[in-house]
């Protein structure tokens, strides 16, 4: 079964911010390559979305309907609903996930 993959607005913004940060650090070629890799990993969820694992920080608070996969140092957090995959965020794995998610909840 093939799933439809959707990037929610926050995930699109994450990709833009990642690209912009690297490109503005005088690495535009590196930014292009990373963006392509992240997009490829996201789209690969169309075939095997169950391969991801529960993010440990969310599992600790009994939130079990999100999964994550990794691309380099980035964590791709997503949800499977029926035959669709919704990518909610793409985050730097070196940062505190709980802090980042709290920031998003209170962002206007």
C-alpha atoms as a PDB file:
ATOM      1  CA  UNK A   1       0.000   0.000   0.000  1.00  0.00           C
ATOM      2  CA  UNK A   2       1.273   3.459  -0.881  1.00  0.00           C
ATOM      3  CA  UNK A   3       0.523   6.326   1.494  1.00  0.00           C
ATOM      4  CA  UNK A   4       0.079   9.977   0.591  1.00  0.00           C
ATOM      5  CA  UNK A   5       2.661  12.162   2.326  1.00  0.00           C
ATOM      6  CA  UNK A   6       1.745  15.688   3.435  1.00  0.00           C
ATOM      7  CA  UNK A   7       3.966  18.380   4.944  1.00  0.00           C
ATOM      8  CA  UNK A   8       1.970  20.489   7.379  1.00  0.00           C
ATOM      9  CA  UNK A   9       2.726  24.219   7.468  1.00  0.00           C
ATOM     10  CA  UNK A  10       5.096  23.915  10.452  1.00  0.00           C
ATOM     11  CA  UNK A  11       7.168  21.273   8.662  1.00  0.00           C
ATOM     12  CA  UNK A  12       7.372  23.434   5.540  1.00  0.00           C
ATOM     13  CA  UNK A  13       8.567  26.310   7.691  1.00  0.00           C
ATOM     14  CA  UNK A  14      11.130  24.008   9.329  1.00  0.00           C
ATOM     15  CA  UNK A  15      12.543  23.078   5.913  1.00  0.00           C
ATOM     16  CA  UNK A  16      12.719  26.722   4.895  1.00  0.00           C
ATOM     17  CA  UNK A  17      14.469  27.734   8.125  1.00  0.00           C
ATOM     18  CA  UNK A  18      16.983  24.870   7.897  1.00  0.00           C
ATOM     19  CA  UNK A  19      17.751  25.749   4.283  1.00  0.00           C
ATOM     20  CA  UNK A  20      18.010  29.467   5.029  1.00  0.00           C
ATOM     21  CA  UNK A  21      20.298  28.997   8.034  1.00  0.00           C
ATOM     22  CA  UNK A  22      22.763  26.835   6.097  1.00  0.00           C
ATOM     23  CA  UNK A  23      22.613  28.910   2.913  1.00  0.00           C
ATOM     24  CA  UNK A  24      23.203  32.152   4.817  1.00  0.00           C
ATOM     25  CA  UNK A  25      26.195  30.554   6.528  1.00  0.00           C
ATOM     26  CA  UNK A  26      27.921  30.646   3.122  1.00  0.00           C
ATOM     27  CA  UNK A  27      27.039  27.055   2.260  1.00  0.00           C
ATOM     28  CA  UNK A  28      24.303  27.365  -0.425  1.00  0.00           C
ATOM     29  CA  UNK A  29      25.375  24.147  -2.189  1.00  0.00           C
ATOM     30  CA  UNK A  30      25.277  22.259   1.096  1.00  0.00           C
ATOM     31  CA  UNK A  31      21.841  23.737   1.854  1.00  0.00           C
ATOM     32  CA  UNK A  32      20.487  22.531  -1.515  1.00  0.00           C
ATOM     33  CA  UNK A  33      21.866  19.035  -0.969  1.00  0.00           C
ATOM     34  CA  UNK A  34      20.468  18.762   2.567  1.00  0.00           C
ATOM     35  CA  UNK A  35      17.058  20.031   1.464  1.00  0.00           C
ATOM     36  CA  UNK A  36      16.943  17.375  -1.266  1.00  0.00           C
ATOM     37  CA  UNK A  37      17.935  14.651   1.228  1.00  0.00           C
ATOM     38  CA  UNK A  38      15.312  15.730   3.766  1.00  0.00           C
ATOM     39  CA  UNK A  39      12.616  15.833   1.087  1.00  0.00           C
ATOM     40  CA  UNK A  40      13.644  12.377  -0.165  1.00  0.00           C
ATOM     41  CA  UNK A  41      13.440  10.887   3.341  1.00  0.00           C
ATOM     42  CA  UNK A  42      10.037  12.493   3.889  1.00  0.00           C
ATOM     43  CA  UNK A  43       8.695  11.143   0.609  1.00  0.00           C
ATOM     44  CA  UNK A  44      10.087   7.674   1.387  1.00  0.00           C
ATOM     45  CA  UNK A  45       7.410   7.436   4.095  1.00  0.00           C
ATOM     46  CA  UNK A  46       4.924   6.763   1.285  1.00  0.00           C
ATOM     47  CA  UNK A  47       6.173   3.163   1.159  1.00  0.00           C
ATOM     48  CA  UNK A  48       7.061   2.205   4.734  1.00  0.00           C
ATOM     49  CA  UNK A  49       5.694   4.690   7.272  1.00  0.00           C
ATOM     50  CA  UNK A  50       5.614   2.125  10.091  1.00  0.00           C
ATOM     51  CA  UNK A  51       9.415   1.873  10.073  1.00  0.00           C
ATOM     52  CA  UNK A  52       9.754   4.934  12.284  1.00  0.00           C
ATOM     53  CA  UNK A  53       9.824   4.659  16.062  1.00  0.00           C
ATOM     54  CA  UNK A  54       8.057   6.503  18.846  1.00  0.00           C
ATOM     55  CA  UNK A  55       9.954   9.622  19.933  1.00  0.00           C
ATOM     56  CA  UNK A  56      11.172   8.762  23.464  1.00  0.00           C
ATOM     57  CA  UNK A  57      10.180  12.164  24.854  1.00  0.00           C
ATOM     58  CA  UNK A  58       6.601  11.665  23.687  1.00  0.00           C
ATOM     59  CA  UNK A  59       6.460   8.025  24.724  1.00  0.00           C
ATOM     60  CA  UNK A  60       7.396   9.075  28.284  1.00  0.00           C
ATOM     61  CA  UNK A  61       4.232  11.176  28.496  1.00  0.00           C
ATOM     62  CA  UNK A  62       2.144   8.435  26.836  1.00  0.00           C
ATOM     63  CA  UNK A  63       1.730  10.199  23.481  1.00  0.00           C
ATOM     64  CA  UNK A  64       1.955   7.292  21.075  1.00  0.00           C
ATOM     65  CA  UNK A  65       0.416   8.402  17.795  1.00  0.00           C
ATOM     66  CA  UNK A  66       3.550  10.120  16.476  1.00  0.00           C
ATOM     67  CA  UNK A  67       6.613   8.471  14.996  1.00  0.00           C
ATOM     68  CA  UNK A  68      10.004   9.708  13.955  1.00  0.00           C
ATOM     69  CA  UNK A  69      12.712   8.922  11.472  1.00  0.00           C
ATOM     70  CA  UNK A  70      16.098  10.559  11.107  1.00  0.00           C
ATOM     71  CA  UNK A  71      17.990  12.191   8.299  1.00  0.00           C
ATOM     72  CA  UNK A  72      21.501  13.100   9.347  1.00  0.00           C
ATOM     73  CA  UNK A  73      21.057  15.078  12.585  1.00  0.00           C
ATOM     74  CA  UNK A  74      17.419  15.968  11.885  1.00  0.00           C
ATOM     75  CA  UNK A  75      14.359  14.349  13.434  1.00  0.00           C
ATOM     76  CA  UNK A  76      11.276  14.073  11.251  1.00  0.00           C
ATOM     77  CA  UNK A  77       8.161  13.761  13.428  1.00  0.00           C
ATOM     78  CA  UNK A  78       5.064  12.430  11.686  1.00  0.00           C
ATOM     79  CA  UNK A  79       1.687  10.833  12.167  1.00  0.00           C
ATOM     80  CA  UNK A  80      -0.014   8.062  10.195  1.00  0.00           C
ATOM     81  CA  UNK A  81      -3.762   8.424   9.630  1.00  0.00           C
ATOM     82  CA  UNK A  82      -5.461   5.827   7.481  1.00  0.00           C
ATOM     83  CA  UNK A  83      -3.553   5.905   4.177  1.00  0.00           C
ATOM     84  CA  UNK A  84      -1.913   9.274   4.769  1.00  0.00           C
ATOM     85  CA  UNK A  85       1.251  10.453   6.486  1.00  0.00           C
ATOM     86  CA  UNK A  86       1.353  13.935   7.987  1.00  0.00           C
ATOM     87  CA  UNK A  87       4.814  15.326   8.672  1.00  0.00           C
ATOM     88  CA  UNK A  88       4.462  17.760  11.552  1.00  0.00           C
ATOM     89  CA  UNK A  89       8.011  18.931  12.104  1.00  0.00           C
ATOM     90  CA  UNK A  90      11.614  18.560  11.043  1.00  0.00           C
ATOM     91  CA  UNK A  91      13.867  19.427  13.949  1.00  0.00           C
ATOM     92  CA  UNK A  92      17.552  19.575  14.729  1.00  0.00           C
ATOM     93  CA  UNK A  93      18.210  16.448  16.797  1.00  0.00           C
ATOM     94  CA  UNK A  94      20.689  18.303  18.993  1.00  0.00           C
ATOM     95  CA  UNK A  95      17.939  20.485  20.406  1.00  0.00           C
ATOM     96  CA  UNK A  96      15.526  19.671  23.232  1.00  0.00           C
ATOM     97  CA  UNK A  97      12.355  18.243  21.653  1.00  0.00           C
ATOM     98  CA  UNK A  98      10.115  19.095  24.598  1.00  0.00           C
ATOM     99  CA  UNK A  99      11.262  22.715  24.599  1.00  0.00           C
ATOM    100  CA  UNK A 100      10.740  23.016  20.845  1.00  0.00           C
ATOM    101  CA  UNK A 101       7.248  21.530  21.004  1.00  0.00           C
ATOM    102  CA  UNK A 102       6.258  23.792  23.898  1.00  0.00           C
ATOM    103  CA  UNK A 103       7.477  26.783  21.925  1.00  0.00           C
ATOM    104  CA  UNK A 104       5.252  25.724  19.026  1.00  0.00           C
ATOM    105  CA  UNK A 105       2.213  25.262  21.205  1.00  0.00           C
ATOM    106  CA  UNK A 106       2.480  28.828  22.503  1.00  0.00           C
ATOM    107  CA  UNK A 107       3.546  30.439  19.216  1.00  0.00           C
ATOM    108  CA  UNK A 108       0.956  32.832  17.865  1.00  0.00           C
END
